[in-house]
Every structure is written in structure tokens, then in C-alpha cells.
Amino acid sequence: HSDPVTAVSFNHDGTLIVSCAMDGLIRIWDA
């Protein structure tokens, strides 16, 4: 992100990560 990251977690099978930040974006990552 381009701002502090405020939350991160995995999905139920651990294949994805979700993050959000003060930049207002939510991103989904391949773990």
C-alpha cells in the first residue's frame, strides 16, 4: 500500500491474503 496497513488476514484455506490500508484500498494477494 501507499499508506499504513490497518488489517491483514488469510482466507479459510490459507490460499489468499486480504489487506487494507489508510490509502482506502483493499487488496487480495495470492499467499
All heavy atoms as atom14 arrays in JSON, in Angstrom:
{
  "sequence": "HSDPVTAVSFNHDGTLIVSCAMDGLIRIWDA",
  "atom14_mask": [
    [1, 1, 1, 1, 1, 1, 1, 1, 1, 1, 0, 0, 0, 0],
    [1, 1, 1, 1, 1, 1, 0, 0, 0, 0, 0, 0, 0, 0],
    [1, 1, 1, 1, 1, 1, 1, 1, 0, 0, 0, 0, 0, 0],
    [1, 1, 1, 1, 1, 1, 1, 0, 0, 0, 0, 0, 0, 0],
    [1, 1, 1, 1, 1, 1, 1, 0, 0, 0, 0, 0, 0, 0],
    [1, 1, 1, 1, 1, 1, 1, 0, 0, 0, 0, 0, 0, 0],
    [1, 1, 1, 1, 1, 0, 0, 0, 0, 0, 0, 0, 0, 0],
    [1, 1, 1, 1, 1, 1, 1, 0, 0, 0, 0, 0, 0, 0],
    [1, 1, 1, 1, 1, 1, 0, 0, 0, 0, 0, 0, 0, 0],
    [1, 1, 1, 1, 1, 1, 1, 1, 1, 1, 1, 0, 0, 0],
    [1, 1, 1, 1, 1, 1, 1, 1, 0, 0, 0, 0, 0, 0],
    [1, 1, 1, 1, 1, 1, 1, 1, 1, 1, 0, 0, 0, 0],
    [1, 1, 1, 1, 1, 1, 1, 1, 0, 0, 0, 0, 0, 0],
    [1, 1, 1, 1, 0, 0, 0, 0, 0, 0, 0, 0, 0, 0],
    [1, 1, 1, 1, 1, 1, 1, 0, 0, 0, 0, 0, 0, 0],
    [1, 1, 1, 1, 1, 1, 1, 1, 0, 0, 0, 0, 0, 0],
    [1, 1, 1, 1, 1, 1, 1, 1, 0, 0, 0, 0, 0, 0],
    [1, 1, 1, 1, 1, 1, 1, 0, 0, 0, 0, 0, 0, 0],
    [1, 1, 1, 1, 1, 1, 0, 0, 0, 0, 0, 0, 0, 0],
    [1, 1, 1, 1, 1, 1, 0, 0, 0, 0, 0, 0, 0, 0],
    [1, 1, 1, 1, 1, 0, 0, 0, 0, 0, 0, 0, 0, 0],
    [1, 1, 1, 1, 1, 1, 1, 1, 0, 0, 0, 0, 0, 0],
    [1, 1, 1, 1, 1, 1, 1, 1, 0, 0, 0, 0, 0, 0],
    [1, 1, 1, 1, 0, 0, 0, 0, 0, 0, 0, 0, 0, 0],
    [1, 1, 1, 1, 1, 1, 1, 1, 0, 0, 0, 0, 0, 0],
    [1, 1, 1, 1, 1, 1, 1, 1, 0, 0, 0, 0, 0, 0],
    [1, 1, 1, 1, 1, 1, 1, 1, 1, 1, 1, 0, 0, 0],
    [1, 1, 1, 1, 1, 1, 1, 1, 0, 0, 0, 0, 0, 0],
    [1, 1, 1, 1, 1, 1, 1, 1, 1, 1, 1, 1, 1, 1],
    [1, 1, 1, 1, 1, 1, 1, 1, 0, 0, 0, 0, 0, 0],
    [1, 1, 1, 1, 1, 0, 0, 0, 0, 0, 0, 0, 0, 0]
  ],
  "atom14_positions": [
    [[0.83, -1.2, 0.0], [0.0, 0.0, 0.0], [0.87, 1.25, 0.0], [2.08, 1.18, 0.15], [-0.93, -0.02, 1.23], [-1.97, -1.1, 1.18], [-3.19, -0.95, 0.56], [-1.95, -2.36, 1.67], [-3.88, -2.08, 0.68], [-3.16, -2.95, 1.35], [0.0, 0.0, 0.0], [0.0, 0.0, 0.0], [0.0, 0.0, 0.0], [0.0, 0.0, 0.0]],
    [[0.21, 2.39, -0.16], [0.93, 3.67, -0.14], [0.64, 4.42, 1.15], [0.86, 5.61, 1.24], [0.52, 4.51, -1.35], [-0.88, 4.67, -1.36], [0.0, 0.0, 0.0], [0.0, 0.0, 0.0], [0.0, 0.0, 0.0], [0.0, 0.0, 0.0], [0.0, 0.0, 0.0], [0.0, 0.0, 0.0], [0.0, 0.0, 0.0], [0.0, 0.0, 0.0]],
    [[0.14, 3.69, 2.14], [-0.18, 4.24, 3.46], [-0.1, 3.1, 4.47], [-0.04, 1.93, 4.08], [-1.6, 4.83, 3.47], [-1.62, 6.31, 3.1], [-0.82, 7.07, 3.68], [-2.42, 6.7, 2.24], [0.0, 0.0, 0.0], [0.0, 0.0, 0.0], [0.0, 0.0, 0.0], [0.0, 0.0, 0.0], [0.0, 0.0, 0.0], [0.0, 0.0, 0.0]],
    [[-0.14, 3.41, 5.77], [-0.09, 2.33, 6.77], [-1.15, 1.26, 6.54], [-2.3, 1.56, 6.2], [-0.32, 3.08, 8.08], [0.28, 4.42, 7.84], [-0.04, 4.73, 6.4], [0.0, 0.0, 0.0], [0.0, 0.0, 0.0], [0.0, 0.0, 0.0], [0.0, 0.0, 0.0], [0.0, 0.0, 0.0], [0.0, 0.0, 0.0], [0.0, 0.0, 0.0]],
    [[-0.73, 0.01, 6.73], [-1.62, -1.15, 6.57], [-2.36, -1.36, 7.88], [-1.74, -1.47, 8.94], [-0.8, -2.4, 6.19], [-1.72, -3.63, 6.06], [-0.02, -2.16, 4.89], [0.0, 0.0, 0.0], [0.0, 0.0, 0.0], [0.0, 0.0, 0.0], [0.0, 0.0, 0.0], [0.0, 0.0, 0.0], [0.0, 0.0, 0.0], [0.0, 0.0, 0.0]],
    [[-3.7, -1.41, 7.82], [-4.51, -1.44, 9.05], [-5.06, -2.82, 9.37], [-5.44, -3.07, 10.51], [-5.66, -0.44, 8.95], [-6.39, -0.67, 7.74], [-5.14, 1.0, 8.92], [0.0, 0.0, 0.0], [0.0, 0.0, 0.0], [0.0, 0.0, 0.0], [0.0, 0.0, 0.0], [0.0, 0.0, 0.0], [0.0, 0.0, 0.0], [0.0, 0.0, 0.0]],
    [[-5.13, -3.72, 8.4], [-5.61, -5.08, 8.68], [-5.07, -6.05, 7.64], [-4.92, -5.7, 6.47], [-7.14, -5.13, 8.7], [0.0, 0.0, 0.0], [0.0, 0.0, 0.0], [0.0, 0.0, 0.0], [0.0, 0.0, 0.0], [0.0, 0.0, 0.0], [0.0, 0.0, 0.0], [0.0, 0.0, 0.0], [0.0, 0.0, 0.0], [0.0, 0.0, 0.0]],
    [[-4.79, -7.28, 8.1], [-4.36, -8.36, 7.2], [-4.92, -9.68, 7.73], [-4.95, -9.9, 8.93], [-2.83, -8.52, 7.13], [-2.19, -7.47, 6.25], [-2.19, -8.53, 8.51], [0.0, 0.0, 0.0], [0.0, 0.0, 0.0], [0.0, 0.0, 0.0], [0.0, 0.0, 0.0], [0.0, 0.0, 0.0], [0.0, 0.0, 0.0], [0.0, 0.0, 0.0]],
    [[-5.36, -10.54, 6.83], [-5.74, -11.89, 7.27], [-5.79, -12.85, 6.09], [-5.84, -12.43, 4.94], [-7.06, -11.89, 8.04], [-8.1, -11.43, 7.22], [0.0, 0.0, 0.0], [0.0, 0.0, 0.0], [0.0, 0.0, 0.0], [0.0, 0.0, 0.0], [0.0, 0.0, 0.0], [0.0, 0.0, 0.0], [0.0, 0.0, 0.0], [0.0, 0.0, 0.0]],
    [[-5.79, -14.13, 6.42], [-5.89, -15.2, 5.42], [-7.35, -15.59, 5.24], [-8.17, -15.39, 6.14], [-5.12, -16.44, 5.88], [-3.63, -16.32, 5.79], [-2.9, -15.83, 6.87], [-2.94, -16.71, 4.65], [-1.52, -15.74, 6.81], [-1.57, -16.62, 4.57], [-0.84, -16.13, 5.65], [0.0, 0.0, 0.0], [0.0, 0.0, 0.0], [0.0, 0.0, 0.0]],
    [[-7.66, -16.21, 4.1], [-8.98, -16.84, 3.93], [-8.97, -18.21, 4.6], [-7.96, -18.63, 5.17], [-9.37, -16.91, 2.45], [-8.47, -17.84, 1.66], [-7.34, -18.14, 2.05], [-8.96, -18.3, 0.52], [0.0, 0.0, 0.0], [0.0, 0.0, 0.0], [0.0, 0.0, 0.0], [0.0, 0.0, 0.0], [0.0, 0.0, 0.0], [0.0, 0.0, 0.0]],
    [[-10.11, -18.93, 4.53], [-10.27, -20.13, 5.34], [-9.36, -21.29, 4.94], [-9.1, -22.18, 5.75], [-11.74, -20.6, 5.34], [-12.16, -21.3, 4.1], [-12.37, -20.63, 2.92], [-12.4, -22.61, 3.83], [-12.73, -21.5, 1.98], [-12.75, -22.7, 2.51], [0.0, 0.0, 0.0], [0.0, 0.0, 0.0], [0.0, 0.0, 0.0], [0.0, 0.0, 0.0]],
    [[-8.85, -21.3, 3.71], [-7.93, -22.39, 3.34], [-6.48, -21.91, 3.19], [-5.6, -22.69, 2.81], [-8.41, -23.12, 2.08], [-8.4, -22.24, 0.84], [-7.96, -21.06, 0.91], [-8.84, -22.72, -0.23], [0.0, 0.0, 0.0], [0.0, 0.0, 0.0], [0.0, 0.0, 0.0], [0.0, 0.0, 0.0], [0.0, 0.0, 0.0], [0.0, 0.0, 0.0]],
    [[-6.24, -20.64, 3.5], [-4.87, -20.13, 3.51], [-4.28, -19.8, 2.17], [-3.09, -19.49, 2.08], [0.0, 0.0, 0.0], [0.0, 0.0, 0.0], [0.0, 0.0, 0.0], [0.0, 0.0, 0.0], [0.0, 0.0, 0.0], [0.0, 0.0, 0.0], [0.0, 0.0, 0.0], [0.0, 0.0, 0.0], [0.0, 0.0, 0.0], [0.0, 0.0, 0.0]],
    [[-5.09, -19.83, 1.11], [-4.56, -19.56, -0.23], [-4.51, -18.06, -0.56], [-3.75, -17.65, -1.43], [-5.4, -20.26, -1.31], [-6.77, -19.86, -1.16], [-5.29, -21.78, -1.18], [0.0, 0.0, 0.0], [0.0, 0.0, 0.0], [0.0, 0.0, 0.0], [0.0, 0.0, 0.0], [0.0, 0.0, 0.0], [0.0, 0.0, 0.0], [0.0, 0.0, 0.0]],
    [[-5.33, -17.27, 0.14], [-5.4, -15.84, -0.14], [-5.13, -15.02, 1.11], [-5.39, -15.46, 2.24], [-6.8, -15.45, -0.65], [-7.31, -16.11, -1.93], [-8.74, -15.68, -2.21], [-6.4, -15.79, -3.11], [0.0, 0.0, 0.0], [0.0, 0.0, 0.0], [0.0, 0.0, 0.0], [0.0, 0.0, 0.0], [0.0, 0.0, 0.0], [0.0, 0.0, 0.0]],
    [[-4.61, -13.82, 0.89], [-4.43, -12.84, 1.97], [-5.22, -11.6, 1.56], [-5.19, -11.19, 0.39], [-2.94, -12.47, 2.15], [-2.15, -13.67, 2.68], [-2.77, -11.26, 3.07], [-0.64, -13.49, 2.61], [0.0, 0.0, 0.0], [0.0, 0.0, 0.0], [0.0, 0.0, 0.0], [0.0, 0.0, 0.0], [0.0, 0.0, 0.0], [0.0, 0.0, 0.0]],
    [[-5.93, -11.01, 2.51], [-6.58, -9.72, 2.24], [-5.91, -8.67, 3.12], [-5.54, -8.95, 4.27], [-8.1, -9.78, 2.49], [-8.44, -10.05, 3.96], [-8.79, -8.5, 2.01], [0.0, 0.0, 0.0], [0.0, 0.0, 0.0], [0.0, 0.0, 0.0], [0.0, 0.0, 0.0], [0.0, 0.0, 0.0], [0.0, 0.0, 0.0], [0.0, 0.0, 0.0]],
    [[-5.71, -7.48, 2.56], [-5.13, -6.39, 3.34], [-5.9, -5.11, 3.04], [-6.52, -4.98, 1.98], [-3.64, -6.18, 2.99], [-3.5, -5.75, 1.65], [0.0, 0.0, 0.0], [0.0, 0.0, 0.0], [0.0, 0.0, 0.0], [0.0, 0.0, 0.0], [0.0, 0.0, 0.0], [0.0, 0.0, 0.0], [0.0, 0.0, 0.0], [0.0, 0.0, 0.0]],
    [[-5.87, -4.18, 3.99], [-6.44, -2.87, 3.73], [-5.57, -1.83, 4.4], [-4.74, -2.15, 5.27], [-7.89, -2.76, 4.2], [-8.09, -2.78, 5.99], [0.0, 0.0, 0.0], [0.0, 0.0, 0.0], [0.0, 0.0, 0.0], [0.0, 0.0, 0.0], [0.0, 0.0, 0.0], [0.0, 0.0, 0.0], [0.0, 0.0, 0.0], [0.0, 0.0, 0.0]],
    [[-5.75, -0.57, 4.0], [-4.84, 0.46, 4.48], [-5.52, 1.82, 4.53], [-6.66, 2.0, 4.1], [-3.61, 0.52, 3.57], [0.0, 0.0, 0.0], [0.0, 0.0, 0.0], [0.0, 0.0, 0.0], [0.0, 0.0, 0.0], [0.0, 0.0, 0.0], [0.0, 0.0, 0.0], [0.0, 0.0, 0.0], [0.0, 0.0, 0.0], [0.0, 0.0, 0.0]],
    [[-4.77, 2.76, 5.06], [-5.26, 4.12, 5.14], [-5.37, 4.78, 3.77], [-5.93, 5.86, 3.65], [-4.36, 4.95, 6.08], [-4.49, 4.49, 7.53], [-3.55, 5.53, 8.65], [-3.89, 4.7, 10.21], [0.0, 0.0, 0.0], [0.0, 0.0, 0.0], [0.0, 0.0, 0.0], [0.0, 0.0, 0.0], [0.0, 0.0, 0.0], [0.0, 0.0, 0.0]],
    [[-4.83, 4.13, 2.73], [-5.0, 4.64, 1.38], [-6.39, 4.3, 0.83], [-6.74, 4.68, -0.29], [-3.91, 4.11, 0.42], [-3.86, 2.59, 0.34], [-4.8, 1.92, 0.83], [-2.88, 2.07, -0.21], [0.0, 0.0, 0.0], [0.0, 0.0, 0.0], [0.0, 0.0, 0.0], [0.0, 0.0, 0.0], [0.0, 0.0, 0.0], [0.0, 0.0, 0.0]],
    [[-7.19, 3.59, 1.62], [-8.56, 3.27, 1.22], [-8.69, 2.06, 0.33], [-9.79, 1.69, -0.06], [0.0, 0.0, 0.0], [0.0, 0.0, 0.0], [0.0, 0.0, 0.0], [0.0, 0.0, 0.0], [0.0, 0.0, 0.0], [0.0, 0.0, 0.0], [0.0, 0.0, 0.0], [0.0, 0.0, 0.0], [0.0, 0.0, 0.0], [0.0, 0.0, 0.0]],
    [[-7.56, 1.42, 0.02], [-7.61, 0.26, -0.88], [-7.7, -1.04, -0.11], [-7.14, -1.17, 0.98], [-6.35, 0.2, -1.76], [-6.04, 1.42, -2.63], [-4.81, 1.15, -3.49], [-7.23, 1.79, -3.51], [0.0, 0.0, 0.0], [0.0, 0.0, 0.0], [0.0, 0.0, 0.0], [0.0, 0.0, 0.0], [0.0, 0.0, 0.0], [0.0, 0.0, 0.0]],
    [[-8.42, -1.99, -0.7], [-8.42, -3.37, -0.21], [-7.72, -4.19, -1.29], [-8.07, -4.08, -2.47], [-9.86, -3.88, 0.0], [-10.58, -3.05, 1.05], [-9.85, -5.37, 0.37], [-12.08, -3.27, 1.07], [0.0, 0.0, 0.0], [0.0, 0.0, 0.0], [0.0, 0.0, 0.0], [0.0, 0.0, 0.0], [0.0, 0.0, 0.0], [0.0, 0.0, 0.0]],
    [[-6.74, -4.99, -0.88], [-6.03, -5.8, -1.87], [-6.1, -7.27, -1.48], [-6.05, -7.61, -0.3], [-4.57, -5.37, -1.98], [-4.38, -3.99, -2.6], [-2.92, -3.8, -2.95], [-2.56, -2.42, -3.24], [-2.62, -1.85, -4.44], [-3.06, -2.55, -5.47], [-2.26, -0.6, -4.61], [0.0, 0.0, 0.0], [0.0, 0.0, 0.0], [0.0, 0.0, 0.0]],
    [[-6.22, -8.11, -2.51], [-6.22, -9.55, -2.31], [-4.98, -10.13, -2.96], [-4.67, -9.82, -4.12], [-7.51, -10.18, -2.87], [-8.68, -9.65, -2.05], [-7.45, -11.7, -2.8], [-10.01, -9.86, -2.66], [0.0, 0.0, 0.0], [0.0, 0.0, 0.0], [0.0, 0.0, 0.0], [0.0, 0.0, 0.0], [0.0, 0.0, 0.0], [0.0, 0.0, 0.0]],
    [[-4.26, -10.95, -2.2], [-2.96, -11.48, -2.61], [-3.01, -12.99, -2.69], [-3.68, -13.64, -1.88], [-1.88, -11.08, -1.6], [-1.87, -9.62, -1.26], [-2.66, -8.98, -0.34], [-1.04, -8.61, -1.84], [-2.36, -7.64, -0.32], [-1.37, -7.39, -1.22], [-0.04, -8.64, -2.82], [-0.74, -6.19, -1.57], [0.58, -7.46, -3.15], [0.23, -6.24, -2.53]],
    [[-2.25, -13.54, -3.6], [-2.0, -14.97, -3.63], [-0.96, -15.27, -2.55], [0.16, -14.76, -2.62], [-1.48, -15.38, -5.02], [-1.26, -16.87, -5.14], [-0.33, -17.38, -4.47], [-1.99, -17.53, -5.87], [0.0, 0.0, 0.0], [0.0, 0.0, 0.0], [0.0, 0.0, 0.0], [0.0, 0.0, 0.0], [0.0, 0.0, 0.0], [0.0, 0.0, 0.0]],
    [[-1.33, -16.07, -1.57], [-0.44, -16.29, -0.42], [0.86, -16.99, -0.83], [1.92, -16.75, -0.25], [-1.16, -17.11, 0.66], [0.0, 0.0, 0.0], [0.0, 0.0, 0.0], [0.0, 0.0, 0.0], [0.0, 0.0, 0.0], [0.0, 0.0, 0.0], [0.0, 0.0, 0.0], [0.0, 0.0, 0.0], [0.0, 0.0, 0.0], [0.0, 0.0, 0.0]]
  ]
}
